[in-house]
PDB file of all heavy atoms in Angstrom:
ATOM      1  N   GLY A   1     -27.278 -14.623   6.158  1.00  0.00           N
ATOM      2  CA  GLY A   1     -26.670 -13.627   6.985  1.00  0.00           C
ATOM      3  C   GLY A   1     -25.409 -13.048   6.442  1.00  0.00           C
ATOM      4  O   GLY A   1     -24.773 -12.209   7.072  1.00  0.00           O
ATOM      5  N   SER A   2     -24.953 -13.424   5.246  1.00  0.00           N
ATOM      6  CA  SER A   2     -23.681 -12.945   4.788  1.00  0.00           C
ATOM      7  C   SER A   2     -23.717 -11.478   4.373  1.00  0.00           C
ATOM      8  O   SER A   2     -22.719 -10.804   4.439  1.00  0.00           O
ATOM      9  CB  SER A   2     -23.170 -13.767   3.625  1.00  0.00           C
ATOM     10  OG  SER A   2     -23.994 -13.599   2.502  1.00  0.00           O
ATOM     11  N   LEU A   3     -24.877 -11.019   3.979  1.00  0.00           N
ATOM     12  CA  LEU A   3     -24.968  -9.617   3.569  1.00  0.00           C
ATOM     13  C   LEU A   3     -24.847  -8.685   4.761  1.00  0.00           C
ATOM     14  O   LEU A   3     -24.122  -7.696   4.747  1.00  0.00           O
ATOM     15  CB  LEU A   3     -26.287  -9.323   2.867  1.00  0.00           C
ATOM     16  CG  LEU A   3     -26.442  -7.923   2.293  1.00  0.00           C
ATOM     17  CD1 LEU A   3     -25.453  -7.670   1.194  1.00  0.00           C
ATOM     18  CD2 LEU A   3     -27.859  -7.694   1.804  1.00  0.00           C
ATOM     19  N   ALA A   4     -25.509  -9.043   5.867  1.00  0.00           N
ATOM     20  CA  ALA A   4     -25.454  -8.194   7.059  1.00  0.00           C
ATOM     21  C   ALA A   4     -24.112  -8.313   7.775  1.00  0.00           C
ATOM     22  O   ALA A   4     -23.645  -7.348   8.386  1.00  0.00           O
ATOM     23  CB  ALA A   4     -26.570  -8.582   7.985  1.00  0.00           C
ATOM     24  N   ASN A   5     -23.518  -9.488   7.736  1.00  0.00           N
ATOM     25  CA  ASN A   5     -22.284  -9.687   8.513  1.00  0.00           C
ATOM     26  C   ASN A   5     -21.023  -9.653   7.640  1.00  0.00           C
ATOM     27  O   ASN A   5     -19.941 -10.027   8.114  1.00  0.00           O
ATOM     28  CB  ASN A   5     -22.337 -11.051   9.229  1.00  0.00           C
ATOM     29  CG  ASN A   5     -23.492 -11.093  10.187  1.00  0.00           C
ATOM     30  OD1 ASN A   5     -23.851 -10.088  10.764  1.00  0.00           O
ATOM     31  ND2 ASN A   5     -24.108 -12.269  10.330  1.00  0.00           N
ATOM     32  N   GLN A   6     -21.156  -9.243   6.417  1.00  0.00           N
ATOM     33  CA  GLN A   6     -20.030  -9.259   5.520  1.00  0.00           C
ATOM     34  C   GLN A   6     -19.019  -8.188   5.921  1.00  0.00           C
ATOM     35  O   GLN A   6     -19.358  -7.016   6.046  1.00  0.00           O
ATOM     36  CB  GLN A   6     -20.505  -9.020   4.097  1.00  0.00           C
ATOM     37  CG  GLN A   6     -19.441  -9.278   3.038  1.00  0.00           C
ATOM     38  CD  GLN A   6     -20.043  -9.153   1.660  1.00  0.00           C
ATOM     39  OE1 GLN A   6     -20.934  -8.365   1.443  1.00  0.00           O
ATOM     40  NE2 GLN A   6     -19.551  -9.925   0.742  1.00  0.00           N
ATOM     41  N   VAL A   7     -17.800  -8.571   6.157  1.00  0.00           N
ATOM     42  CA  VAL A   7     -16.759  -7.672   6.565  1.00  0.00           C
ATOM     43  C   VAL A   7     -15.649  -7.760   5.523  1.00  0.00           C
ATOM     44  O   VAL A   7     -15.173  -8.810   5.214  1.00  0.00           O
ATOM     45  CB  VAL A   7     -16.188  -8.017   7.950  1.00  0.00           C
ATOM     46  CG1 VAL A   7     -15.053  -7.091   8.326  1.00  0.00           C
ATOM     47  CG2 VAL A   7     -17.287  -7.986   8.988  1.00  0.00           C
ATOM     48  N   SER A   8     -15.312  -6.586   4.972  1.00  0.00           N
ATOM     49  CA  SER A   8     -14.218  -6.620   4.001  1.00  0.00           C
ATOM     50  C   SER A   8     -12.938  -6.184   4.720  1.00  0.00           C
ATOM     51  O   SER A   8     -12.930  -5.211   5.430  1.00  0.00           O
ATOM     52  CB  SER A   8     -14.533  -5.670   2.825  1.00  0.00           C
ATOM     53  OG  SER A   8     -14.667  -4.359   3.321  1.00  0.00           O
ATOM     54  N   VAL A   9     -11.928  -6.948   4.523  1.00  0.00           N
ATOM     55  CA  VAL A   9     -10.650  -6.681   5.149  1.00  0.00           C
ATOM     56  C   VAL A   9      -9.729  -6.043   4.131  1.00  0.00           C
ATOM     57  O   VAL A   9      -9.487  -6.615   3.075  1.00  0.00           O
ATOM     58  CB  VAL A   9     -10.006  -7.966   5.689  1.00  0.00           C
ATOM     59  CG1 VAL A   9      -8.660  -7.718   6.335  1.00  0.00           C
ATOM     60  CG2 VAL A   9     -10.957  -8.638   6.683  1.00  0.00           C
ATOM     61  N   ALA A  10      -9.251  -4.868   4.460  1.00  0.00           N
ATOM     62  CA  ALA A  10      -8.321  -4.188   3.552  1.00  0.00           C
ATOM     63  C   ALA A  10      -6.977  -4.766   3.771  1.00  0.00           C
ATOM     64  O   ALA A  10      -6.560  -5.103   4.856  1.00  0.00           O
ATOM     65  CB  ALA A  10      -8.318  -2.687   3.869  1.00  0.00           C
ATOM     66  N   PRO A  11      -6.164  -4.895   2.654  1.00  0.00           N
ATOM     67  CA  PRO A  11      -4.809  -5.382   2.809  1.00  0.00           C
ATOM     68  C   PRO A  11      -3.991  -4.447   3.667  1.00  0.00           C
ATOM     69  O   PRO A  11      -4.127  -3.269   3.658  1.00  0.00           O
ATOM     70  CB  PRO A  11      -4.280  -5.468   1.396  1.00  0.00           C
ATOM     71  CG  PRO A  11      -5.173  -4.565   0.603  1.00  0.00           C
ATOM     72  CD  PRO A  11      -6.495  -4.508   1.292  1.00  0.00           C
ATOM     73  N   ALA A  12      -3.128  -5.049   4.480  1.00  0.00           N
ATOM     74  CA  ALA A  12      -2.275  -4.250   5.384  1.00  0.00           C
ATOM     75  C   ALA A  12      -1.330  -3.413   4.568  1.00  0.00           C
ATOM     76  O   ALA A  12      -0.757  -3.864   3.594  1.00  0.00           O
ATOM     77  CB  ALA A  12      -1.518  -5.166   6.313  1.00  0.00           C
ATOM     78  N   PRO A  13      -1.176  -2.146   4.925  1.00  0.00           N
ATOM     79  CA  PRO A  13      -0.247  -1.299   4.179  1.00  0.00           C
ATOM     80  C   PRO A  13       1.181  -1.769   4.386  1.00  0.00           C
ATOM     81  O   PRO A  13       1.573  -2.121   5.477  1.00  0.00           O
ATOM     82  CB  PRO A  13      -0.449   0.100   4.759  1.00  0.00           C
ATOM     83  CG  PRO A  13      -1.058  -0.132   6.102  1.00  0.00           C
ATOM     84  CD  PRO A  13      -1.787  -1.440   6.017  1.00  0.00           C
ATOM     85  N   THR A  14       1.925  -1.756   3.307  1.00  0.00           N
ATOM     86  CA  THR A  14       3.305  -2.176   3.382  1.00  0.00           C
ATOM     87  C   THR A  14       4.163  -0.935   3.667  1.00  0.00           C
ATOM     88  O   THR A  14       3.878   0.164   3.190  1.00  0.00           O
ATOM     89  CB  THR A  14       3.805  -2.800   2.086  1.00  0.00           C
ATOM     90  OG1 THR A  14       3.608  -1.854   1.018  1.00  0.00           O
ATOM     91  CG2 THR A  14       3.016  -4.070   1.796  1.00  0.00           C
ATOM     92  N   THR A  15       5.156  -1.119   4.512  1.00  0.00           N
ATOM     93  CA  THR A  15       6.035  -0.011   4.824  1.00  0.00           C
ATOM     94  C   THR A  15       7.234  -0.029   3.895  1.00  0.00           C
ATOM     95  O   THR A  15       7.924  -1.032   3.779  1.00  0.00           O
ATOM     96  CB  THR A  15       6.492  -0.066   6.280  1.00  0.00           C
ATOM     97  OG1 THR A  15       7.142  -1.311   6.497  1.00  0.00           O
ATOM     98  CG2 THR A  15       5.352   0.105   7.247  1.00  0.00           C
ATOM     99  N   GLN A  16       7.380   1.076   3.170  1.00  0.00           N
ATOM    100  CA  GLN A  16       8.492   1.195   2.251  1.00  0.00           C
ATOM    101  C   GLN A  16       9.365   2.363   2.697  1.00  0.00           C
ATOM    102  O   GLN A  16       8.840   3.353   3.195  1.00  0.00           O
ATOM    103  CB  GLN A  16       8.019   1.431   0.820  1.00  0.00           C
ATOM    104  CG  GLN A  16       7.197   0.247   0.268  1.00  0.00           C
ATOM    105  CD  GLN A  16       6.704   0.550  -1.129  1.00  0.00           C
ATOM    106  OE1 GLN A  16       6.804   1.647  -1.608  1.00  0.00           O
ATOM    107  NE2 GLN A  16       6.148  -0.481  -1.760  1.00  0.00           N
ATOM    108  N   PRO A  17      10.679   2.238   2.525  1.00  0.00           N
ATOM    109  CA  PRO A  17      11.505   3.347   2.936  1.00  0.00           C
ATOM    110  C   PRO A  17      11.210   4.576   2.088  1.00  0.00           C
ATOM    111  O   PRO A  17      10.822   4.458   0.919  1.00  0.00           O
ATOM    112  CB  PRO A  17      12.935   2.816   2.708  1.00  0.00           C
ATOM    113  CG  PRO A  17      12.792   1.666   1.784  1.00  0.00           C
ATOM    114  CD  PRO A  17      11.407   1.129   1.985  1.00  0.00           C
ATOM    115  N   ALA A  18      11.391   5.723   2.693  1.00  0.00           N
ATOM    116  CA  ALA A  18      11.170   6.965   1.925  1.00  0.00           C
ATOM    117  C   ALA A  18      12.171   7.069   0.798  1.00  0.00           C
ATOM    118  O   ALA A  18      13.336   6.718   0.918  1.00  0.00           O
ATOM    119  CB  ALA A  18      11.313   8.164   2.883  1.00  0.00           C
ATOM    120  N   LYS A  19      11.650   7.585  -0.309  1.00  0.00           N
ATOM    121  CA  LYS A  19      12.519   7.692  -1.473  1.00  0.00           C
ATOM    122  C   LYS A  19      13.344   8.993  -1.354  1.00  0.00           C
ATOM    123  O   LYS A  19      12.824  10.043  -0.990  1.00  0.00           O
ATOM    124  CB  LYS A  19      11.711   7.758  -2.760  1.00  0.00           C
ATOM    125  CG  LYS A  19      11.006   6.449  -3.068  1.00  0.00           C
ATOM    126  CD  LYS A  19      10.319   6.501  -4.407  1.00  0.00           C
ATOM    127  CE  LYS A  19       9.689   5.196  -4.721  1.00  0.00           C
ATOM    128  NZ  LYS A  19       9.069   5.179  -6.035  1.00  0.00           N
ATOM    129  N   THR A  20      14.589   8.872  -1.722  1.00  0.00           N
ATOM    130  CA  THR A  20      15.426  10.074  -1.724  1.00  0.00           C
ATOM    131  C   THR A  20      15.250  10.770  -3.060  1.00  0.00           C
ATOM    132  O   THR A  20      14.700  10.226  -4.005  1.00  0.00           O
ATOM    133  CB  THR A  20      16.896   9.698  -1.538  1.00  0.00           C
ATOM    134  OG1 THR A  20      17.280   8.860  -2.623  1.00  0.00           O
ATOM    135  CG2 THR A  20      17.123   8.920  -0.217  1.00  0.00           C
ATOM    136  N   ALA A  21      15.750  11.987  -3.123  1.00  0.00           N
ATOM    137  CA  ALA A  21      15.646  12.744  -4.361  1.00  0.00           C
ATOM    138  C   ALA A  21      16.355  12.022  -5.488  1.00  0.00           C
ATOM    139  O   ALA A  21      15.963  12.097  -6.658  1.00  0.00           O
ATOM    140  CB  ALA A  21      16.240  14.150  -4.166  1.00  0.00           C
ATOM    141  N   GLN A  22      17.424  11.317  -5.148  1.00  0.00           N
ATOM    142  CA  GLN A  22      18.220  10.573  -6.169  1.00  0.00           C
ATOM    143  C   GLN A  22      17.414   9.412  -6.713  1.00  0.00           C
ATOM    144  O   GLN A  22      17.454   9.100  -7.865  1.00  0.00           O
ATOM    145  CB  GLN A  22      19.532  10.067  -5.579  1.00  0.00           C
ATOM    146  CG  GLN A  22      20.465   9.572  -6.612  1.00  0.00           C
ATOM    147  CD  GLN A  22      21.815  10.237  -6.462  1.00  0.00           C
ATOM    148  OE1 GLN A  22      22.036  10.996  -5.549  1.00  0.00           O
ATOM    149  NE2 GLN A  22      22.686   9.969  -7.392  1.00  0.00           N
ATOM    150  N   ASP A  23      16.610   8.744  -5.856  1.00  0.00           N
ATOM    151  CA  ASP A  23      15.813   7.611  -6.292  1.00  0.00           C
ATOM    152  C   ASP A  23      14.642   8.055  -7.189  1.00  0.00           C
ATOM    153  O   ASP A  23      14.230   7.300  -8.073  1.00  0.00           O
ATOM    154  CB  ASP A  23      15.245   6.857  -5.103  1.00  0.00           C
ATOM    155  CG  ASP A  23      16.365   6.153  -4.314  1.00  0.00           C
ATOM    156  OD1 ASP A  23      17.419   5.890  -4.905  1.00  0.00           O
ATOM    157  OD2 ASP A  23      16.115   5.856  -3.110  1.00  0.00           O
ATOM    158  N   GLU A  24      14.115   9.207  -6.950  1.00  0.00           N
ATOM    159  CA  GLU A  24      12.967   9.656  -7.716  1.00  0.00           C
ATOM    160  C   GLU A  24      13.315   9.954  -9.172  1.00  0.00           C
ATOM    161  O   GLU A  24      12.507   9.805 -10.048  1.00  0.00           O
ATOM    162  CB  GLU A  24      12.345  10.906  -7.060  1.00  0.00           C
ATOM    163  CG  GLU A  24      11.629  10.533  -5.762  1.00  0.00           C
ATOM    164  CD  GLU A  24      10.964  11.745  -5.148  1.00  0.00           C
ATOM    165  OE1 GLU A  24      10.764  12.743  -5.868  1.00  0.00           O
ATOM    166  OE2 GLU A  24      10.638  11.670  -3.952  1.00  0.00           O
ATOM    167  N   HIS A  25      14.507  10.399  -9.427  1.00  0.00           N
ATOM    168  CA  HIS A  25      14.914  10.723 -10.772  1.00  0.00           C
ATOM    169  C   HIS A  25      15.811   9.631 -11.292  1.00  0.00           C
ATOM    170  O   HIS A  25      16.999   9.616 -11.086  1.00  0.00           O
ATOM    171  CB  HIS A  25      15.681  12.085 -10.796  1.00  0.00           C
ATOM    172  CG  HIS A  25      14.839  13.217 -10.343  1.00  0.00           C
ATOM    173  ND1 HIS A  25      13.770  13.688 -11.035  1.00  0.00           N
ATOM    174  CD2 HIS A  25      14.929  13.987  -9.226  1.00  0.00           C
ATOM    175  CE1 HIS A  25      13.213  14.700 -10.375  1.00  0.00           C
ATOM    176  NE2 HIS A  25      13.882  14.886  -9.262  1.00  0.00           N
ATOM    177  N   VAL A  26      15.219   8.686 -11.975  1.00  0.00           N
ATOM    178  CA  VAL A  26      15.959   7.550 -12.462  1.00  0.00           C
ATOM    179  C   VAL A  26      16.681   7.962 -13.730  1.00  0.00           C
ATOM    180  O   VAL A  26      16.075   8.529 -14.644  1.00  0.00           O
ATOM    181  CB  VAL A  26      14.975   6.338 -12.744  1.00  0.00           C
ATOM    182  CG1 VAL A  26      15.749   5.164 -13.336  1.00  0.00           C
ATOM    183  CG2 VAL A  26      14.277   5.956 -11.477  1.00  0.00           C
ATOM    184  N   VAL A  27      17.956   7.691 -13.733  1.00  0.00           N
ATOM    185  CA  VAL A  27      18.778   8.085 -14.915  1.00  0.00           C
ATOM    186  C   VAL A  27      19.277   6.764 -15.537  1.00  0.00           C
ATOM    187  O   VAL A  27      19.796   5.881 -14.844  1.00  0.00           O
ATOM    188  CB  VAL A  27      19.960   8.944 -14.469  1.00  0.00           C
ATOM    189  CG1 VAL A  27      20.862   9.291 -15.661  1.00  0.00           C
ATOM    190  CG2 VAL A  27      19.472  10.186 -13.782  1.00  0.00           C
ATOM    191  N   PRO A  28      19.109   6.610 -16.857  1.00  0.00           N
ATOM    192  CA  PRO A  28      19.617   5.395 -17.508  1.00  0.00           C
ATOM    193  C   PRO A  28      21.102   5.223 -17.276  1.00  0.00           C
ATOM    194  O   PRO A  28      21.843   6.205 -17.090  1.00  0.00           O
ATOM    195  CB  PRO A  28      19.313   5.629 -18.975  1.00  0.00           C
ATOM    196  CG  PRO A  28      18.269   6.690 -19.030  1.00  0.00           C
ATOM    197  CD  PRO A  28      18.479   7.496 -17.792  1.00  0.00           C
TER     198      PRO A  28
END
């Protein structure tokens, strides 16, 4: 019965803070 009852669980999305314009352009 594993084929018929197989349920795949997707990993929960992680919440990340929105990137600012300064974060997107990384400067050495």
